[in-house]
Amino acid sequence: MTLKEYLQRGQCSLETGSKIGKQVGDFMGRLHGWGNGNADVCGFFNGNEEAKVLYSWAYYGRLLSTIEQVEIELDEEEKRRLEQIVEESSQSIRDVTGTVRRVFL
């Protein structure tokens, strides 16, 4: 079972979720620090446009359809605002440079 499935199935206690969140945050912080000091590696990943497009789609591109699947009702203004957030966030991922963390997260 993936972490996502574990969380979606409601089998994750608040204590376990907090522990996982802290550990993921610690890892992300270390990855960010490592990425800041490795310009060559960052340059390699910055040029991988397909990965950026795929990541932006996987993370944001499916957000609206996911909301519809779980039957969350949005009024027109909320939907418009969410579409704007999706577009801006997706574009930020596609445009990002600087660290490995920023490229993939």
N, C-alpha and C. Protein backbone atom coordinates (compact mmCIF):
# COMPACT_ATOMS: atom_id res chain seq x y z
N MET A 1 0.85 -1.18 0.00
CA MET A 1 0.00 0.00 0.00
C MET A 1 0.89 1.25 0.00
N THR A 2 0.55 2.20 -0.83
CA THR A 2 1.31 3.46 -0.84
C THR A 2 0.87 4.34 0.32
N LEU A 3 1.68 5.34 0.62
CA LEU A 3 1.32 6.29 1.67
C LEU A 3 0.02 6.99 1.33
N LYS A 4 -0.14 7.35 0.07
CA LYS A 4 -1.37 8.03 -0.36
C LYS A 4 -2.59 7.15 -0.10
N GLU A 5 -2.50 5.88 -0.45
CA GLU A 5 -3.63 4.97 -0.20
C GLU A 5 -3.90 4.85 1.30
N TYR A 6 -2.84 4.74 2.07
CA TYR A 6 -2.95 4.63 3.52
C TYR A 6 -3.71 5.81 4.10
N LEU A 7 -3.36 6.99 3.65
CA LEU A 7 -4.03 8.20 4.14
C LEU A 7 -5.47 8.28 3.64
N GLN A 8 -5.69 7.95 2.36
CA GLN A 8 -7.03 8.04 1.79
C GLN A 8 -8.00 7.04 2.42
N ARG A 9 -7.50 5.92 2.85
CA ARG A 9 -8.37 4.90 3.46
C ARG A 9 -8.73 5.22 4.91
N GLY A 10 -8.15 6.28 5.44
CA GLY A 10 -8.46 6.69 6.80
C GLY A 10 -7.86 5.79 7.85
N GLN A 11 -6.81 5.07 7.51
CA GLN A 11 -6.18 4.15 8.46
C GLN A 11 -5.03 4.79 9.21
N CYS A 12 -4.78 6.04 8.95
CA CYS A 12 -3.65 6.74 9.54
C CYS A 12 -4.14 7.57 10.73
N SER A 13 -3.60 7.26 11.92
CA SER A 13 -3.97 8.04 13.10
C SER A 13 -3.32 9.41 13.03
N LEU A 14 -3.82 10.33 13.83
CA LEU A 14 -3.25 11.68 13.89
C LEU A 14 -1.78 11.61 14.32
N GLU A 15 -1.49 10.76 15.28
CA GLU A 15 -0.11 10.61 15.77
C GLU A 15 0.81 10.10 14.65
N THR A 16 0.37 9.08 13.93
CA THR A 16 1.17 8.53 12.85
C THR A 16 1.31 9.54 11.72
N GLY A 17 0.22 10.23 11.38
CA GLY A 17 0.27 11.25 10.33
C GLY A 17 1.24 12.36 10.68
N SER A 18 1.25 12.78 11.94
CA SER A 18 2.18 13.82 12.39
C SER A 18 3.62 13.34 12.29
N LYS A 19 3.86 12.09 12.66
CA LYS A 19 5.21 11.51 12.60
C LYS A 19 5.68 11.44 11.15
N ILE A 20 4.82 10.97 10.26
CA ILE A 20 5.16 10.88 8.84
C ILE A 20 5.45 12.28 8.30
N GLY A 21 4.58 13.23 8.61
CA GLY A 21 4.76 14.61 8.14
C GLY A 21 6.08 15.21 8.60
N LYS A 22 6.44 14.98 9.85
CA LYS A 22 7.72 15.50 10.36
C LYS A 22 8.89 14.86 9.64
N GLN A 23 8.85 13.56 9.45
CA GLN A 23 9.95 12.88 8.79
C GLN A 23 10.08 13.29 7.32
N VAL A 24 8.95 13.45 6.64
CA VAL A 24 9.00 13.92 5.25
C VAL A 24 9.55 15.34 5.20
N GLY A 25 9.12 16.18 6.13
CA GLY A 25 9.63 17.55 6.20
C GLY A 25 11.12 17.60 6.46
N ASP A 26 11.60 16.74 7.36
CA ASP A 26 13.04 16.67 7.64
C ASP A 26 13.80 16.27 6.38
N PHE A 27 13.28 15.25 5.68
CA PHE A 27 13.92 14.80 4.45
C PHE A 27 13.95 15.92 3.41
N MET A 28 12.83 16.62 3.26
CA MET A 28 12.75 17.70 2.28
C MET A 28 13.75 18.81 2.61
N GLY A 29 13.90 19.11 3.88
CA GLY A 29 14.86 20.13 4.29
C GLY A 29 16.29 19.73 3.94
N ARG A 30 16.62 18.45 4.18
CA ARG A 30 17.95 17.97 3.84
C ARG A 30 18.17 17.97 2.33
N LEU A 31 17.13 17.57 1.58
CA LEU A 31 17.23 17.57 0.12
C LEU A 31 17.43 18.99 -0.40
N HIS A 32 16.71 19.93 0.15
CA HIS A 32 16.85 21.33 -0.24
C HIS A 32 18.28 21.81 0.02
N GLY A 33 18.80 21.51 1.20
CA GLY A 33 20.16 21.92 1.54
C GLY A 33 21.19 21.29 0.61
N TRP A 34 21.00 20.01 0.30
CA TRP A 34 21.91 19.31 -0.61
C TRP A 34 21.82 19.94 -2.00
N GLY A 35 20.61 20.23 -2.47
CA GLY A 35 20.43 20.81 -3.79
C GLY A 35 21.07 22.17 -3.94
N ASN A 36 21.06 22.97 -2.88
CA ASN A 36 21.69 24.30 -2.95
C ASN A 36 23.18 24.21 -3.20
N GLY A 37 23.82 23.13 -2.79
CA GLY A 37 25.26 23.01 -2.94
C GLY A 37 25.70 22.18 -4.14
N ASN A 38 24.79 21.79 -5.02
CA ASN A 38 25.13 20.93 -6.14
C ASN A 38 24.60 21.49 -7.46
N ALA A 39 25.26 22.53 -7.93
CA ALA A 39 24.81 23.23 -9.14
C ALA A 39 24.76 22.32 -10.36
N ASP A 40 25.72 21.41 -10.48
CA ASP A 40 25.74 20.52 -11.65
C ASP A 40 24.51 19.62 -11.69
N VAL A 41 24.17 19.06 -10.55
CA VAL A 41 23.01 18.18 -10.48
C VAL A 41 21.74 18.99 -10.76
N CYS A 42 21.65 20.17 -10.16
CA CYS A 42 20.47 21.01 -10.40
C CYS A 42 20.36 21.39 -11.86
N GLY A 43 21.48 21.68 -12.50
CA GLY A 43 21.46 22.02 -13.92
C GLY A 43 20.93 20.88 -14.75
N PHE A 44 21.31 19.67 -14.41
CA PHE A 44 20.81 18.49 -15.13
C PHE A 44 19.29 18.40 -15.00
N PHE A 45 18.77 18.52 -13.78
CA PHE A 45 17.34 18.39 -13.57
C PHE A 45 16.56 19.59 -14.12
N ASN A 46 17.15 20.77 -14.07
CA ASN A 46 16.47 21.95 -14.59
C ASN A 46 16.17 21.81 -16.08
N GLY A 47 17.01 21.09 -16.81
CA GLY A 47 16.80 20.90 -18.23
C GLY A 47 15.81 19.82 -18.59
N ASN A 48 15.30 19.10 -17.62
CA ASN A 48 14.37 18.01 -17.87
C ASN A 48 12.93 18.55 -17.91
N GLU A 49 12.59 19.14 -19.02
CA GLU A 49 11.28 19.77 -19.16
C GLU A 49 10.13 18.77 -19.06
N GLU A 50 10.34 17.55 -19.60
CA GLU A 50 9.27 16.54 -19.54
C GLU A 50 8.92 16.22 -18.10
N ALA A 51 9.94 16.11 -17.24
CA ALA A 51 9.69 15.80 -15.84
C ALA A 51 8.89 16.92 -15.17
N LYS A 52 9.22 18.16 -15.50
CA LYS A 52 8.50 19.29 -14.92
C LYS A 52 7.03 19.29 -15.35
N VAL A 53 6.80 19.04 -16.64
CA VAL A 53 5.42 19.01 -17.15
C VAL A 53 4.65 17.86 -16.50
N LEU A 54 5.27 16.70 -16.44
CA LEU A 54 4.61 15.54 -15.84
C LEU A 54 4.32 15.78 -14.37
N TYR A 55 5.28 16.32 -13.66
CA TYR A 55 5.07 16.58 -12.25
C TYR A 55 3.96 17.61 -12.04
N SER A 56 3.94 18.66 -12.83
CA SER A 56 2.90 19.68 -12.65
C SER A 56 1.53 19.09 -12.92
N TRP A 57 1.44 18.19 -13.91
CA TRP A 57 0.16 17.53 -14.19
C TRP A 57 -0.23 16.59 -13.04
N ALA A 58 0.72 15.78 -12.58
CA ALA A 58 0.43 14.80 -11.53
C ALA A 58 0.02 15.48 -10.24
N TYR A 59 0.63 16.61 -9.93
CA TYR A 59 0.37 17.27 -8.66
C TYR A 59 -0.82 18.22 -8.73
N TYR A 60 -0.93 18.99 -9.79
CA TYR A 60 -1.99 20.00 -9.89
C TYR A 60 -3.01 19.72 -10.99
N GLY A 61 -2.57 19.13 -12.08
CA GLY A 61 -3.44 18.96 -13.24
C GLY A 61 -4.67 18.12 -12.99
N ARG A 62 -4.62 17.25 -12.00
CA ARG A 62 -5.77 16.39 -11.69
C ARG A 62 -6.59 16.88 -10.52
N LEU A 63 -6.24 18.03 -9.98
CA LEU A 63 -6.91 18.52 -8.77
C LEU A 63 -8.42 18.72 -8.98
N LEU A 64 -8.79 19.39 -10.04
CA LEU A 64 -10.22 19.66 -10.26
C LEU A 64 -11.02 18.38 -10.45
N SER A 65 -10.49 17.43 -11.23
CA SER A 65 -11.22 16.18 -11.43
C SER A 65 -11.30 15.38 -10.14
N THR A 66 -10.28 15.47 -9.30
CA THR A 66 -10.31 14.78 -8.01
C THR A 66 -11.39 15.37 -7.12
N ILE A 67 -11.50 16.67 -7.11
CA ILE A 67 -12.55 17.33 -6.32
C ILE A 67 -13.93 16.91 -6.80
N GLU A 68 -14.10 16.83 -8.10
CA GLU A 68 -15.38 16.38 -8.64
C GLU A 68 -15.67 14.94 -8.27
N GLN A 69 -14.66 14.07 -8.28
CA GLN A 69 -14.84 12.66 -7.95
C GLN A 69 -15.30 12.47 -6.52
N VAL A 70 -14.79 13.27 -5.61
CA VAL A 70 -15.20 13.13 -4.21
C VAL A 70 -16.42 13.99 -3.91
N GLU A 71 -16.99 14.54 -4.96
CA GLU A 71 -18.26 15.27 -4.91
C GLU A 71 -18.24 16.47 -3.96
N ILE A 72 -17.16 17.23 -4.04
CA ILE A 72 -17.11 18.51 -3.33
C ILE A 72 -17.73 19.54 -4.25
N GLU A 73 -18.72 20.22 -3.77
CA GLU A 73 -19.41 21.20 -4.60
C GLU A 73 -18.75 22.56 -4.45
N LEU A 74 -18.42 23.15 -5.58
CA LEU A 74 -17.83 24.48 -5.62
C LEU A 74 -18.76 25.42 -6.36
N ASP A 75 -18.87 26.65 -5.86
CA ASP A 75 -19.62 27.62 -6.64
C ASP A 75 -18.71 28.13 -7.76
N GLU A 76 -19.24 28.91 -8.66
CA GLU A 76 -18.48 29.35 -9.84
C GLU A 76 -17.23 30.14 -9.46
N GLU A 77 -17.32 31.00 -8.45
CA GLU A 77 -16.17 31.78 -8.03
C GLU A 77 -15.08 30.88 -7.44
N GLU A 78 -15.46 29.91 -6.62
CA GLU A 78 -14.49 28.98 -6.04
C GLU A 78 -13.82 28.16 -7.15
N LYS A 79 -14.60 27.72 -8.10
CA LYS A 79 -14.05 26.93 -9.20
C LYS A 79 -13.09 27.78 -10.04
N ARG A 80 -13.47 29.00 -10.33
CA ARG A 80 -12.61 29.91 -11.10
C ARG A 80 -11.31 30.15 -10.36
N ARG A 81 -11.39 30.40 -9.07
CA ARG A 81 -10.20 30.66 -8.26
C ARG A 81 -9.29 29.42 -8.21
N LEU A 82 -9.90 28.26 -8.05
CA LEU A 82 -9.12 27.03 -8.01
C LEU A 82 -8.43 26.77 -9.34
N GLU A 83 -9.13 27.03 -10.44
CA GLU A 83 -8.51 26.88 -11.77
C GLU A 83 -7.32 27.82 -11.91
N GLN A 84 -7.44 29.03 -11.38
CA GLN A 84 -6.35 29.99 -11.41
C GLN A 84 -5.16 29.50 -10.59
N ILE A 85 -5.43 28.96 -9.41
CA ILE A 85 -4.37 28.44 -8.55
C ILE A 85 -3.67 27.27 -9.24
N VAL A 86 -4.45 26.38 -9.86
CA VAL A 86 -3.87 25.24 -10.58
C VAL A 86 -2.95 25.73 -11.69
N GLU A 87 -3.39 26.68 -12.47
CA GLU A 87 -2.58 27.18 -13.58
C GLU A 87 -1.31 27.87 -13.07
N GLU A 88 -1.44 28.73 -12.06
CA GLU A 88 -0.28 29.44 -11.53
C GLU A 88 0.72 28.47 -10.91
N SER A 89 0.23 27.51 -10.16
CA SER A 89 1.11 26.54 -9.51
C SER A 89 1.79 25.63 -10.52
N SER A 90 1.05 25.19 -11.53
CA SER A 90 1.63 24.36 -12.58
C SER A 90 2.71 25.13 -13.33
N GLN A 91 2.44 26.38 -13.63
CA GLN A 91 3.43 27.20 -14.33
C GLN A 91 4.67 27.41 -13.47
N SER A 92 4.49 27.58 -12.18
CA SER A 92 5.64 27.75 -11.28
C SER A 92 6.54 26.52 -11.31
N ILE A 93 5.94 25.34 -11.34
CA ILE A 93 6.73 24.11 -11.41
C ILE A 93 7.49 24.06 -12.73
N ARG A 94 6.82 24.40 -13.81
CA ARG A 94 7.48 24.33 -15.12
C ARG A 94 8.60 25.36 -15.27
N ASP A 95 8.51 26.47 -14.57
CA ASP A 95 9.49 27.55 -14.69
C ASP A 95 10.62 27.49 -13.68
N VAL A 96 10.51 26.66 -12.69
CA VAL A 96 11.44 26.69 -11.55
C VAL A 96 12.86 26.27 -11.94
N THR A 97 13.81 26.90 -11.28
CA THR A 97 15.22 26.53 -11.39
C THR A 97 15.85 26.73 -10.03
N GLY A 98 17.05 26.26 -9.85
CA GLY A 98 17.79 26.59 -8.63
C GLY A 98 18.20 25.42 -7.79
N THR A 99 17.28 24.56 -7.39
CA THR A 99 17.65 23.42 -6.55
C THR A 99 16.86 22.22 -6.99
N VAL A 100 17.38 21.06 -6.65
CA VAL A 100 16.64 19.83 -6.94
C VAL A 100 15.28 19.86 -6.27
N ARG A 101 15.25 20.33 -5.03
CA ARG A 101 13.99 20.40 -4.29
C ARG A 101 12.97 21.27 -5.05
N ARG A 102 13.40 22.41 -5.52
CA ARG A 102 12.48 23.30 -6.21
C ARG A 102 12.01 22.74 -7.53
N VAL A 103 12.85 21.95 -8.16
CA VAL A 103 12.48 21.38 -9.45
C VAL A 103 11.40 20.33 -9.29
N PHE A 104 11.49 19.50 -8.25
CA PHE A 104 10.58 18.38 -8.13
C PHE A 104 9.54 18.53 -7.04
N LEU A 105 9.60 19.52 -6.20
CA LEU A 105 8.65 19.64 -5.13
C LEU A 105 7.99 20.95 -5.22
